[in-house]
Structures are given as C-alpha cells and as structure tokens.
Amino acid sequence: MRAETITITGAGGAEIEAYLARPLDEKPHGGVVVIHHLPGYDAATKEIVRKFAAHGYNALCPNLYSREAPGADPDDAAATVRAAGGVPDDRLVGDVDGAAKYLKELDGANGRIGVIGYCSGGRQTFLSACSLQIDAAVDCYGAFVVNEPPPEMANMKPLLGLASQLSCPLLGLFGAEDKFPGPEEVATLDAELTRLGKDHEFHSYEGAGHAFFAVDRPSYRPQAAVAGWQRVFEFFGKHLSA
C-alpha cells in the first residue's frame, strides 16, 4: 500500500489536511471516508486508515481540526475544538463530501463510497449518511444522535429528525455498557429507522463500553473489537464492491 498526508478541498473550498492510504494493485477499489473521534486526527486513526487499505479499499481521513489548529498535536487540537463548541455540522458534511469526491476521482476507484466514524465521528457518520448520497455507513458508538448533547458542545444537536433522509444501509456497533450512547438511545434510533423502513443492522457487545475499538486506550475490548471489525468488512464487502 501507499500511505501519505495530502491536502483536499473541504467545506467552503478550504484546503484541509487528510491522510490517505490505498492499495497498489490495479483492481477496482471502493472508497472509505474515515471520520476520526473527538480526541482527534491521531496515530490510532491513521492506523485504521491503513487497515482499510490492507483490506483492499482506498481510505481517507480528513483532519476535521485543520482550520482551528493546523499542525497541532492531536490532544491540543481537540481541546481547541472542544472550547469552540465542536465541529459545525454543515462544515463536517462539506469536508466529508470533499473526501468522498477525492476518493471517487482516484485511478481505479469503482465509484462506491462508504463512511465510518468513531465516537463523535459515529454521530457525524449518521449526519453524513442523511445529508449526502453515499453507499454504506458504519456508526461506531456515535452519541447525541437521539439525546441532547451537553451545553458546551454548542455546535451539536440531535439528529433523529434526519432519519427519514438516510441515503444508504447503516451498520451500528455499540457497547452494551456505554452511556454515550446508552442502550436506550440505541433502541430509540433502532425503532425509528425500523418505523421508516430504513436498511440498518445494530449490534451491541456485552462487556464493552465506549471506545472499545480504541487500541491505544484502556477502553479497548479485544473480543468486541475483533467481532466488530468482522462485521465492518462483511458490510463494506457487500455494499462497496464493484
């Protein structure tokens, strides 16, 4: 594979940093936009991008904090964005759209795009899937889709009202012991998508809380993460193949 830091055009025509990894064979490849978690555009997220490339996808993670803290340490950048109330939803959609367009224009791209996000990125994945035409979405424990966010996250709002606009199949992966989102929030979203007839499947893992995919954090739960990754690759294999 080849992995590198690049610049893409995001919301409002802004040039933002992004991390790209892609296989070097000549087969057609689906594209995956990886939305990083609230702690930021960090080494663990870049490892996820490379993991998708190793499984045959062109993968791209835009640095959502490029404007507020260009070149900053991920923790410092995240603190700056938290203090500003989080990433504005309309800007997020524009950045994901820019990432998707970049992936579609790569040589050998098959034109199909998936989006996956973790923590705040899970919420933003749902937002993207309800705002853009994409082919598959994976929400990994995205909070505040149903419930109100805390007051300090002024740029966030619940997204349940957008559920009727969901443009693609949705896979949801959650920890049964998580509080953000808690099981009741997951159940509410599941019920609403079912009522609307939206193609989705949700899985909750016992013994796992928030951020169980995060290999560099105490929250990591190998059994849940391994099972979750298997579902992710089965799901994207079904929906992003040429």
C-alpha atoms as a PDB file:
ATOM      1  CA  MET A   1       0.000   0.000   0.000  1.00  0.00           C
ATOM      2  CA  ARG A   2       0.914   3.650  -0.155  1.00  0.00           C
ATOM      3  CA  ALA A   3       0.056   5.931   2.780  1.00  0.00           C
ATOM      4  CA  GLU A   4       0.628   9.660   2.864  1.00  0.00           C
ATOM      5  CA  THR A   5      -0.542  13.018   4.139  1.00  0.00           C
ATOM      6  CA  ILE A   6      -2.281  15.044   1.442  1.00  0.00           C
ATOM      7  CA  THR A   7      -4.429  18.148   1.033  1.00  0.00           C
ATOM      8  CA  ILE A   8      -8.054  18.003  -0.097  1.00  0.00           C
ATOM      9  CA  THR A   9     -10.751  20.594  -0.724  1.00  0.00           C
ATOM     10  CA  GLY A  10     -13.266  20.648   2.098  1.00  0.00           C
ATOM     11  CA  ALA A  11     -16.293  22.738   3.016  1.00  0.00           C
ATOM     12  CA  GLY A  12     -16.329  26.244   1.623  1.00  0.00           C
ATOM     13  CA  GLY A  13     -13.423  25.491  -0.692  1.00  0.00           C
ATOM     14  CA  ALA A  14     -10.954  25.321   2.213  1.00  0.00           C
ATOM     15  CA  GLU A  15      -7.789  23.300   1.730  1.00  0.00           C
ATOM     16  CA  ILE A  16      -7.511  20.848   4.629  1.00  0.00           C
ATOM     17  CA  GLU A  17      -5.064  18.141   5.637  1.00  0.00           C
ATOM     18  CA  ALA A  18      -6.043  14.495   5.190  1.00  0.00           C
ATOM     19  CA  TYR A  19      -4.446  11.065   5.484  1.00  0.00           C
ATOM     20  CA  LEU A  20      -4.746   8.712   2.528  1.00  0.00           C
ATOM     21  CA  ALA A  21      -3.904   5.010   2.243  1.00  0.00           C
ATOM     22  CA  ARG A  22      -4.536   2.907  -0.841  1.00  0.00           C
ATOM     23  CA  PRO A  23      -3.616  -0.498  -2.253  1.00  0.00           C
ATOM     24  CA  LEU A  24      -1.065  -0.566  -5.064  1.00  0.00           C
ATOM     25  CA  ASP A  25      -2.683  -3.286  -7.170  1.00  0.00           C
ATOM     26  CA  GLU A  26      -4.723  -2.446 -10.255  1.00  0.00           C
ATOM     27  CA  LYS A  27      -8.049  -3.881  -9.114  1.00  0.00           C
ATOM     28  CA  PRO A  28     -11.085  -1.593  -8.786  1.00  0.00           C
ATOM     29  CA  HIS A  29     -11.448  -0.331  -5.219  1.00  0.00           C
ATOM     30  CA  GLY A  30     -14.266   1.102  -3.163  1.00  0.00           C
ATOM     31  CA  GLY A  31     -13.558   4.184  -1.091  1.00  0.00           C
ATOM     32  CA  VAL A  32     -13.921   4.652   2.670  1.00  0.00           C
ATOM     33  CA  VAL A  33     -14.049   8.028   4.400  1.00  0.00           C
ATOM     34  CA  VAL A  34     -12.843   7.573   7.990  1.00  0.00           C
ATOM     35  CA  ILE A  35     -14.169  10.201  10.420  1.00  0.00           C
ATOM     36  CA  HIS A  36     -11.869  10.499  13.412  1.00  0.00           C
ATOM     37  CA  HIS A  37     -13.041  10.521  17.010  1.00  0.00           C
ATOM     38  CA  LEU A  38     -13.244  13.613  19.232  1.00  0.00           C
ATOM     39  CA  PRO A  39      -9.683  13.089  20.565  1.00  0.00           C
ATOM     40  CA  GLY A  40      -8.598  13.954  17.087  1.00  0.00           C
ATOM     41  CA  TYR A  41      -6.700  13.112  13.941  1.00  0.00           C
ATOM     42  CA  ASP A  42      -4.216  10.866  15.687  1.00  0.00           C
ATOM     43  CA  ALA A  43      -1.883   7.921  15.135  1.00  0.00           C
ATOM     44  CA  ALA A  44      -4.519   5.335  16.053  1.00  0.00           C
ATOM     45  CA  THR A  45      -6.943   6.771  13.496  1.00  0.00           C
ATOM     46  CA  LYS A  46      -4.264   6.714  10.803  1.00  0.00           C
ATOM     47  CA  GLU A  47      -3.697   3.053  11.653  1.00  0.00           C
ATOM     48  CA  ILE A  48      -7.389   2.457  10.921  1.00  0.00           C
ATOM     49  CA  VAL A  49      -6.976   4.140   7.523  1.00  0.00           C
ATOM     50  CA  ARG A  50      -4.092   1.794   6.707  1.00  0.00           C
ATOM     51  CA  LYS A  51      -6.159  -1.178   7.897  1.00  0.00           C
ATOM     52  CA  PHE A  52      -8.781  -0.407   5.279  1.00  0.00           C
ATOM     53  CA  ALA A  53      -6.109  -0.151   2.585  1.00  0.00           C
ATOM     54  CA  ALA A  54      -4.760  -3.532   3.654  1.00  0.00           C
ATOM     55  CA  HIS A  55      -8.252  -4.939   3.086  1.00  0.00           C
ATOM     56  CA  GLY A  56      -8.481  -3.525  -0.430  1.00  0.00           C
ATOM     57  CA  TYR A  57     -10.074  -0.089   0.000  1.00  0.00           C
ATOM     58  CA  ASN A  58      -8.921   3.408  -0.814  1.00  0.00           C
ATOM     59  CA  ALA A  59      -9.293   5.111   2.574  1.00  0.00           C
ATOM     60  CA  LEU A  60      -9.106   8.771   3.519  1.00  0.00           C
ATOM     61  CA  CYS A  61      -9.385  10.567   6.853  1.00  0.00           C
ATOM     62  CA  PRO A  62      -9.848  14.356   6.701  1.00  0.00           C
ATOM     63  CA  ASN A  63      -8.398  16.321   9.614  1.00  0.00           C
ATOM     64  CA  LEU A  64     -11.569  17.992  10.865  1.00  0.00           C
ATOM     65  CA  TYR A  65      -9.494  20.288  13.071  1.00  0.00           C
ATOM     66  CA  SER A  66      -7.281  21.634  10.274  1.00  0.00           C
ATOM     67  CA  ARG A  67      -8.770  25.121  10.421  1.00  0.00           C
ATOM     68  CA  GLU A  68      -8.685  25.672  14.175  1.00  0.00           C
ATOM     69  CA  ALA A  69      -5.316  24.058  14.882  1.00  0.00           C
ATOM     70  CA  PRO A  70      -3.244  23.343  11.762  1.00  0.00           C
ATOM     71  CA  GLY A  71      -0.227  21.191  12.553  1.00  0.00           C
ATOM     72  CA  ALA A  72      -1.091  20.946  16.253  1.00  0.00           C
ATOM     73  CA  ASP A  73      -0.702  17.890  18.455  1.00  0.00           C
ATOM     74  CA  PRO A  74      -3.996  15.899  18.329  1.00  0.00           C
ATOM     75  CA  ASP A  75      -4.751  16.494  22.018  1.00  0.00           C
ATOM     76  CA  ASP A  76      -4.164  20.231  21.713  1.00  0.00           C
ATOM     77  CA  ALA A  77      -6.225  20.425  18.541  1.00  0.00           C
ATOM     78  CA  ALA A  78      -9.091  18.539  20.189  1.00  0.00           C
ATOM     79  CA  ALA A  79      -9.015  20.878  23.187  1.00  0.00           C
ATOM     80  CA  THR A  80      -9.205  23.884  20.884  1.00  0.00           C
ATOM     81  CA  VAL A  81     -12.193  22.466  19.021  1.00  0.00           C
ATOM     82  CA  ARG A  82     -13.983  21.474  22.239  1.00  0.00           C
ATOM     83  CA  ALA A  83     -13.577  25.041  23.502  1.00  0.00           C
ATOM     84  CA  ALA A  84     -15.158  26.272  20.266  1.00  0.00           C
ATOM     85  CA  GLY A  85     -18.224  24.037  20.772  1.00  0.00           C
ATOM     86  CA  GLY A  86     -17.242  21.240  18.417  1.00  0.00           C
ATOM     87  CA  VAL A  87     -17.127  20.972  14.630  1.00  0.00           C
ATOM     88  CA  PRO A  88     -20.131  22.690  12.985  1.00  0.00           C
ATOM     89  CA  ASP A  89     -22.406  20.143  11.328  1.00  0.00           C
ATOM     90  CA  ASP A  90     -22.614  21.918   7.982  1.00  0.00           C
ATOM     91  CA  ARG A  91     -18.830  22.153   7.764  1.00  0.00           C
ATOM     92  CA  LEU A  92     -18.481  18.466   8.636  1.00  0.00           C
ATOM     93  CA  VAL A  93     -20.789  17.485   5.797  1.00  0.00           C
ATOM     94  CA  GLY A  94     -18.777  19.621   3.377  1.00  0.00           C
ATOM     95  CA  ASP A  95     -15.486  18.063   4.498  1.00  0.00           C
ATOM     96  CA  VAL A  96     -16.849  14.522   4.129  1.00  0.00           C
ATOM     97  CA  ASP A  97     -18.249  15.406   0.720  1.00  0.00           C
ATOM     98  CA  GLY A  98     -14.825  16.693  -0.315  1.00  0.00           C
ATOM     99  CA  ALA A  99     -13.185  13.480   0.915  1.00  0.00           C
ATOM    100  CA  ALA A 100     -15.718  11.350  -0.970  1.00  0.00           C
ATOM    101  CA  LYS A 101     -15.158  13.301  -4.181  1.00  0.00           C
ATOM    102  CA  TYR A 102     -11.389  12.893  -3.839  1.00  0.00           C
ATOM    103  CA  LEU A 103     -11.772   9.121  -3.447  1.00  0.00           C
ATOM    104  CA  LYS A 104     -14.087   8.871  -6.441  1.00  0.00           C
ATOM    105  CA  GLU A 105     -11.510  10.626  -8.635  1.00  0.00           C
ATOM    106  CA  LEU A 106      -8.636   8.259  -7.813  1.00  0.00           C
ATOM    107  CA  ASP A 107      -7.426   5.976 -10.582  1.00  0.00           C
ATOM    108  CA  GLY A 108      -9.094   2.599 -10.224  1.00  0.00           C
ATOM    109  CA  ALA A 109     -11.898   3.835  -7.977  1.00  0.00           C
ATOM    110  CA  ASN A 110     -15.127   1.929  -8.514  1.00  0.00           C
ATOM    111  CA  GLY A 111     -17.281   4.937  -7.594  1.00  0.00           C
ATOM    112  CA  ARG A 112     -18.729   3.455  -4.409  1.00  0.00           C
ATOM    113  CA  ILE A 113     -18.209   5.253  -1.102  1.00  0.00           C
ATOM    114  CA  GLY A 114     -18.595   4.161   2.498  1.00  0.00           C
ATOM    115  CA  VAL A 115     -18.261   6.311   5.612  1.00  0.00           C
ATOM    116  CA  ILE A 116     -17.232   5.094   9.078  1.00  0.00           C
ATOM    117  CA  GLY A 117     -16.758   7.082  12.267  1.00  0.00           C
ATOM    118  CA  TYR A 118     -15.998   6.561  15.930  1.00  0.00           C
ATOM    119  CA  CYS A 119     -17.333   8.429  18.994  1.00  0.00           C
ATOM    120  CA  SER A 120     -18.277  11.919  17.731  1.00  0.00           C
ATOM    121  CA  GLY A 121     -17.364  10.541  14.307  1.00  0.00           C
ATOM    122  CA  GLY A 122     -20.130   7.962  14.675  1.00  0.00           C
ATOM    123  CA  ARG A 123     -22.647  10.754  15.081  1.00  0.00           C
ATOM    124  CA  GLN A 124     -21.074  12.564  12.143  1.00  0.00           C
ATOM    125  CA  THR A 125     -21.290   9.404  10.056  1.00  0.00           C
ATOM    126  CA  PHE A 126     -25.037   9.321  10.635  1.00  0.00           C
ATOM    127  CA  LEU A 127     -25.218  13.021   9.749  1.00  0.00           C
ATOM    128  CA  SER A 128     -23.244  12.413   6.546  1.00  0.00           C
ATOM    129  CA  ALA A 129     -25.408   9.469   5.552  1.00  0.00           C
ATOM    130  CA  CYS A 130     -28.512  11.630   5.988  1.00  0.00           C
ATOM    131  CA  SER A 131     -27.026  14.606   4.121  1.00  0.00           C
ATOM    132  CA  LEU A 132     -25.100  13.042   1.224  1.00  0.00           C
ATOM    133  CA  GLN A 133     -25.654  10.266  -1.293  1.00  0.00           C
ATOM    134  CA  ILE A 134     -23.292   7.503  -0.211  1.00  0.00           C
ATOM    135  CA  ASP A 135     -23.383   3.715  -0.455  1.00  0.00           C
ATOM    136  CA  ALA A 136     -22.830   2.430   3.101  1.00  0.00           C
ATOM    137  CA  ALA A 137     -22.279   3.889   6.574  1.00  0.00           C
ATOM    138  CA  VAL A 138     -20.922   2.489   9.852  1.00  0.00           C
ATOM    139  CA  ASP A 139     -21.700   4.283  13.119  1.00  0.00           C
ATOM    140  CA  CYS A 140     -19.353   3.149  15.880  1.00  0.00           C
ATOM    141  CA  TYR A 141     -20.938   4.279  19.173  1.00  0.00           C
ATOM    142  CA  GLY A 142     -21.961   7.734  17.998  1.00  0.00           C
ATOM    143  CA  ALA A 143     -23.597   9.704  20.817  1.00  0.00           C
ATOM    144  CA  PHE A 144     -26.149  12.523  20.679  1.00  0.00           C
ATOM    145  CA  VAL A 145     -27.956  11.258  17.615  1.00  0.00           C
ATOM    146  CA  VAL A 146     -31.061  10.953  19.787  1.00  0.00           C
ATOM    147  CA  ASN A 147     -30.297  12.754  23.061  1.00  0.00           C
ATOM    148  CA  GLU A 148     -29.309  16.381  23.609  1.00  0.00           C
ATOM    149  CA  PRO A 149     -25.549  16.984  23.761  1.00  0.00           C
ATOM    150  CA  PRO A 150     -24.035  18.791  26.763  1.00  0.00           C
ATOM    151  CA  PRO A 151     -24.307  22.612  26.673  1.00  0.00           C
ATOM    152  CA  GLU A 152     -20.607  23.071  25.972  1.00  0.00           C
ATOM    153  CA  MET A 153     -20.987  21.278  22.618  1.00  0.00           C
ATOM    154  CA  ALA A 154     -22.852  24.230  21.166  1.00  0.00           C
ATOM    155  CA  ASN A 155     -22.362  23.189  17.540  1.00  0.00           C
ATOM    156  CA  MET A 156     -24.051  19.808  18.034  1.00  0.00           C
ATOM    157  CA  LYS A 157     -27.741  18.986  18.057  1.00  0.00           C
ATOM    158  CA  PRO A 158     -29.767  15.752  17.979  1.00  0.00           C
ATOM    159  CA  LEU A 159     -30.077  14.193  14.520  1.00  0.00           C
ATOM    160  CA  LEU A 160     -33.049  11.851  14.908  1.00  0.00           C
ATOM    161  CA  GLY A 161     -35.214  14.162  12.810  1.00  0.00           C
ATOM    162  CA  LEU A 162     -32.967  13.488   9.819  1.00  0.00           C
ATOM    163  CA  ALA A 163     -33.533   9.723   9.896  1.00  0.00           C
ATOM    164  CA  SER A 164     -36.013   9.817   7.022  1.00  0.00           C
ATOM    165  CA  GLN A 165     -33.199  11.156   4.809  1.00  0.00           C
ATOM    166  CA  LEU A 166     -30.828   8.226   5.432  1.00  0.00           C
ATOM    167  CA  SER A 167     -29.409   7.529   1.966  1.00  0.00           C
ATOM    168  CA  CYS A 168     -27.789   4.119   2.450  1.00  0.00           C
ATOM    169  CA  PRO A 169     -27.609   0.960   4.565  1.00  0.00           C
ATOM    170  CA  LEU A 170     -26.360   1.659   8.098  1.00  0.00           C
ATOM    171  CA  LEU A 171     -24.370  -0.628  10.401  1.00  0.00           C
ATOM    172  CA  GLY A 172     -24.332   0.386  14.070  1.00  0.00           C
ATOM    173  CA  LEU A 173     -21.792  -1.059  16.530  1.00  0.00           C
ATOM    174  CA  PHE A 174     -22.257  -0.241  20.210  1.00  0.00           C
ATOM    175  CA  GLY A 175     -21.024  -1.178  23.662  1.00  0.00           C
ATOM    176  CA  ALA A 176     -23.738  -2.539  25.942  1.00  0.00           C
ATOM    177  CA  GLU A 177     -22.117  -0.735  28.877  1.00  0.00           C
ATOM    178  CA  ASP A 178     -21.749   2.598  27.101  1.00  0.00           C
ATOM    179  CA  LYS A 179     -23.547   5.672  28.441  1.00  0.00           C
ATOM    180  CA  PHE A 180     -22.974   7.919  25.392  1.00  0.00           C
ATOM    181  CA  PRO A 181     -24.906   6.470  23.649  1.00  0.00           C
ATOM    182  CA  GLY A 182     -26.662   4.370  26.242  1.00  0.00           C
ATOM    183  CA  PRO A 183     -28.730   1.311  25.317  1.00  0.00           C
ATOM    184  CA  GLU A 184     -31.964   3.319  25.457  1.00  0.00           C
ATOM    185  CA  GLU A 185     -30.628   5.815  22.903  1.00  0.00           C
ATOM    186  CA  VAL A 186     -29.585   2.976  20.599  1.00  0.00           C
ATOM    187  CA  ALA A 187     -33.038   1.383  20.994  1.00  0.00           C
ATOM    188  CA  THR A 188     -34.772   4.652  20.126  1.00  0.00           C
ATOM    189  CA  LEU A 189     -32.734   5.084  16.951  1.00  0.00           C
ATOM    190  CA  ASP A 190     -33.276   1.446  16.003  1.00  0.00           C
ATOM    191  CA  ALA A 191     -37.040   1.802  16.448  1.00  0.00           C
ATOM    192  CA  GLU A 192     -37.203   4.981  14.374  1.00  0.00           C
ATOM    193  CA  LEU A 193     -35.212   3.504  11.498  1.00  0.00           C
ATOM    194  CA  THR A 194     -37.385   0.404  11.614  1.00  0.00           C
ATOM    195  CA  ARG A 195     -40.531   2.558  11.527  1.00  0.00           C
ATOM    196  CA  LEU A 196     -39.180   4.383   8.488  1.00  0.00           C
ATOM    197  CA  GLY A 197     -38.231   1.159   6.722  1.00  0.00           C
ATOM    198  CA  LYS A 198     -34.545   2.112   6.563  1.00  0.00           C
ATOM    199  CA  ASP A 199     -31.994  -0.635   5.880  1.00  0.00           C
ATOM    200  CA  HIS A 200     -29.945  -0.989   9.050  1.00  0.00           C
ATOM    201  CA  GLU A 201     -28.460  -3.501  11.472  1.00  0.00           C
ATOM    202  CA  PHE A 202     -27.346  -2.769  15.017  1.00  0.00           C
ATOM    203  CA  HIS A 203     -25.105  -4.878  17.243  1.00  0.00           C
ATOM    204  CA  SER A 204     -24.286  -4.278  20.900  1.00  0.00           C
ATOM    205  CA  TYR A 205     -21.408  -6.039  22.642  1.00  0.00           C
ATOM    206  CA  GLU A 206     -21.587  -7.196  26.248  1.00  0.00           C
ATOM    207  CA  GLY A 207     -18.641  -6.252  28.425  1.00  0.00           C
ATOM    208  CA  ALA A 208     -17.805  -3.285  26.190  1.00  0.00           C
ATOM    209  CA  GLY A 209     -18.302   0.388  26.873  1.00  0.00           C
ATOM    210  CA  HIS A 210     -17.459   3.479  24.876  1.00  0.00           C
ATOM    211  CA  ALA A 211     -14.453   3.415  22.512  1.00  0.00           C
ATOM    212  CA  PHE A 212     -13.996  -0.357  22.585  1.00  0.00           C
ATOM    213  CA  PHE A 213     -12.224  -0.179  19.192  1.00  0.00           C
ATOM    214  CA  ALA A 214      -9.548   2.195  20.548  1.00  0.00           C
ATOM    215  CA  VAL A 215      -6.395   0.058  20.717  1.00  0.00           C
ATOM    216  CA  ASP A 216      -4.419   2.800  22.500  1.00  0.00           C
ATOM    217  CA  ARG A 217      -6.896   3.360  25.350  1.00  0.00           C
ATOM    218  CA  PRO A 218      -7.964   1.459  28.479  1.00  0.00           C
ATOM    219  CA  SER A 219     -11.456   1.168  26.975  1.00  0.00           C
ATOM    220  CA  TYR A 220     -10.189  -1.283  24.318  1.00  0.00           C
ATOM    221  CA  ARG A 221     -12.031  -4.608  24.363  1.00  0.00           C
ATOM    222  CA  PRO A 222     -10.337  -7.080  22.006  1.00  0.00           C
ATOM    223  CA  GLN A 223     -13.210  -9.559  21.758  1.00  0.00           C
ATOM    224  CA  ALA A 224     -15.767  -6.880  20.871  1.00  0.00           C
ATOM    225  CA  ALA A 225     -13.342  -5.096  18.537  1.00  0.00           C
ATOM    226  CA  VAL A 226     -12.454  -8.261  16.610  1.00  0.00           C
ATOM    227  CA  ALA A 227     -16.132  -9.147  16.216  1.00  0.00           C
ATOM    228  CA  GLY A 228     -16.913  -5.572  15.207  1.00  0.00           C
ATOM    229  CA  TRP A 229     -14.197  -5.469  12.561  1.00  0.00           C
ATOM    230  CA  GLN A 230     -15.506  -8.695  11.081  1.00  0.00           C
ATOM    231  CA  ARG A 231     -18.935  -7.108  10.712  1.00  0.00           C
ATOM    232  CA  VAL A 232     -17.447  -3.934   9.223  1.00  0.00           C
ATOM    233  CA  PHE A 233     -15.603  -5.810   6.491  1.00  0.00           C
ATOM    234  CA  GLU A 234     -18.568  -8.040   5.732  1.00  0.00           C
ATOM    235  CA  PHE A 235     -20.796  -4.972   5.478  1.00  0.00           C
ATOM    236  CA  PHE A 236     -18.481  -2.936   3.276  1.00  0.00           C
ATOM    237  CA  GLY A 237     -17.697  -6.039   1.215  1.00  0.00           C
ATOM    238  CA  LYS A 238     -21.392  -6.344   0.449  1.00  0.00           C
ATOM    239  CA  HIS A 239     -22.060  -2.691  -0.346  1.00  0.00           C
ATOM    240  CA  LEU A 240     -18.812  -1.267  -1.752  1.00  0.00           C
ATOM    241  CA  SER A 241     -17.814  -3.977  -4.207  1.00  0.00           C
ATOM    242  CA  ALA A 242     -17.819  -3.057  -7.901  1.00  0.00           C
END
